[in-house]
Amino acid sequence: MSAPLPDGTEAARLVSRAPPFRIYAALDLGTNNCRLLIARPGPAGFRVIDAFSRIVRLGEGLSHSGRLSEAAIERTMEALKVCRDKMRARGVTRARLVATEACRAAANGAQFLREVRDRLGLHLEIVDRETEAYLAAAGCGELIDANAEATVLFDIGGGSSEIVWMARAADGARSIAAWESLRLGVVSLAETFGGDDVTPEIFSAMVARVDAALQPFAERVKDERRCGRFHLLGTSGTVTTLAGVHLGLLRYDRRAIDGLWLSRGEVDAAITRLRAMNYAERAANGCIGAERADLVLAGCAILEAIRGRFPAERVRIADRGLREGILSQMMRADHPAPRREA
């Protein structure tokens, strides 16, 4: 005999105790990192219930060989297996899993994604550069100074770097006025110039390479409006590491980093400190570590080129990006804001 249905009061109690209908996951597989966020909708956007990040260096050697190596593929498979298991354990009901520059550029990128599907049951999509830029903007946009007429948002990746000019309309709404994706990132730049022993000459050569790549974008936006509150907004391991070094943290702490403002002088001082460290000192630093010790100065060179093209008195640091943008887009699609009455 089936159990009787609960009355209205009991049913309401059971519904109130039930978990949210949807649990969302966003995975960003880049040239250097594999990152996962699992979240559910909340009053102020979403609440993260699980996360994972691992440096896998999927694009290691790609700039020379044009292919993903077997060693890099196996490292990445292990990280993706952890992500799959976390999504299963959390009961994820909707997910978007994206791959960026390494898989875009590699001759065997599509083959790698088929292997991921066959071995792990995960369906990754390779997103184009425009989508990557828009997702970064969606993930970081709320950190823009509300009174700034324009902001340059940048995401320094492992194999590419996205630059976005964010403009404010008369009604205060933000929009992307222009964007560019440079085929330069910390991994590709370090593999070209070297990342262990970075002399002043090598550092200057890296900055010059990035500056030349930035020139067309800078020309396109030279007439865009900006005001005294114009600032840069950066998301990447480079800028979060720089912020940790600035704060003198013994180990990385996202709560201290995300949303932090740095003045021009504070950025100058942090980069000077990093450039004065040798490889062993960088590897021993709690905010850098051995996995980033050979990449962080290439990231600083990219940052210096951006600052040179777009001088600003302030830089805001974001420990958020593509994953947050993906989550926001999925949740907005499932729970659109109510339409305003005319």
Foldseek 3Di string as FASTA:
>chain_A
DDDDDDPPVVVVVVVVPDDDPAKEKEWEAEQFKTKMWIWDQDPVGIDTDDIDMDGLNQCAPCLPPLAGDPSSLVSVLVRVLVVLVVCVVVVHDYYAYEYEDSLVRHPCSVVSQVVSCVPPVDHYYYDYPVVQLVLQCLKQVVLQDLPKQWEWEWEAGQQKIKIFIWGADPVSDIDTPDMDIGRDHLNSLCVVQNQQQQDPVSLVVLLVVLLVSCVVVLVVCVPPDTDQSYEYEYEYLLQQLLVCQLVVDQARDQVVAASDKDFPVSSVVSLVVLNPDGLVVQQNRRSAHNSRSRRNSSVVSNVVSVCVSPPHGMYTYHHIGNRSSVSSVVVCVVPPDDDDDD
